[in-house]
């Protein structure tokens, strides 16, 4: 049927409720719970040649905190 429950979180009250419901469902079905939080990048990140990126360590700093979904 399902192989995982994915819940978007943005730290709002509504996402906290969704997280609780998603966690309950994942526990009942005995499947993994995956939390998804997206970070919106400022518009200047989308303009070549990506001059707005500045120091590339910004991405290196984030990558160890992200576990890719395989």
Protein backbone atom coordinates (compact mmCIF):
# COMPACT_ATOMS: atom_id res chain seq x y z
CA UNK A 1 0.00 0.00 0.00
CA UNK A 2 2.33 2.79 1.25
CA UNK A 3 6.06 2.51 1.83
CA UNK A 4 6.55 5.80 3.74
CA UNK A 5 4.71 8.81 5.13
CA UNK A 6 6.05 12.20 4.02
CA UNK A 7 5.16 15.30 6.03
CA UNK A 8 6.09 18.85 5.08
CA UNK A 9 7.15 20.93 8.06
CA UNK A 10 7.58 24.68 8.32
CA UNK A 11 7.41 24.98 12.12
CA UNK A 12 3.90 26.45 12.01
CA UNK A 13 1.07 25.21 14.23
CA UNK A 14 -0.55 23.53 11.22
CA UNK A 15 2.62 21.63 10.35
CA UNK A 16 2.98 20.49 13.96
CA UNK A 17 -0.51 18.99 13.73
CA UNK A 18 0.37 17.36 10.39
CA UNK A 19 3.58 15.99 11.90
CA UNK A 20 1.68 14.43 14.80
CA UNK A 21 -0.86 12.85 12.46
CA UNK A 22 1.87 11.65 10.09
CA UNK A 23 3.86 10.16 12.95
CA UNK A 24 0.78 8.36 14.24
CA UNK A 25 0.01 6.97 10.79
CA UNK A 26 3.62 5.86 10.20
CA UNK A 27 3.67 4.12 13.58
CA UNK A 28 0.37 2.34 12.91
CA UNK A 29 1.51 1.19 9.46
CA UNK A 30 5.06 0.47 10.68
CA UNK A 31 6.62 2.45 7.84
CA UNK A 32 9.23 5.24 7.85
CA UNK A 33 8.27 8.83 8.53
CA UNK A 34 10.06 11.33 6.27
CA UNK A 35 10.04 15.02 7.17
CA UNK A 36 10.46 17.56 4.40
CA UNK A 37 11.45 21.17 4.94
CA UNK A 38 12.26 23.30 1.90
CA UNK A 39 14.32 26.44 2.03
CA UNK A 40 13.42 29.15 -0.44
CA UNK A 41 16.50 30.72 -1.95
CA UNK A 42 16.56 34.44 -2.71
CA UNK A 43 15.88 35.36 -6.35
CA UNK A 44 19.51 36.28 -7.02
CA UNK A 45 20.49 32.62 -6.68
CA UNK A 46 18.63 31.90 -9.91
CA UNK A 47 20.54 34.44 -12.00
CA UNK A 48 23.64 33.17 -13.81
CA UNK A 49 26.54 33.18 -13.10
CA UNK A 50 25.32 32.67 -9.55
CA UNK A 51 27.25 35.65 -8.26
CA UNK A 52 24.91 35.77 -5.29
CA UNK A 53 26.16 32.46 -3.94
CA UNK A 54 29.17 34.05 -2.35
CA UNK A 55 31.05 31.56 -0.23
CA UNK A 56 30.35 27.97 -1.44
CA UNK A 57 30.84 26.71 2.12
CA UNK A 58 27.17 27.65 2.60
CA UNK A 59 26.19 24.48 0.71
CA UNK A 60 28.94 22.41 2.31
CA UNK A 61 27.63 23.46 5.71
CA UNK A 62 24.10 22.26 4.87
CA UNK A 63 24.94 18.97 3.14
CA UNK A 64 25.98 16.98 6.26
CA UNK A 65 22.60 17.84 7.80
CA UNK A 66 20.66 16.42 4.87
CA UNK A 67 20.05 12.73 4.51
CA UNK A 68 19.18 11.89 0.90
CA UNK A 69 16.13 9.78 0.24
CA UNK A 70 17.25 6.70 -1.68
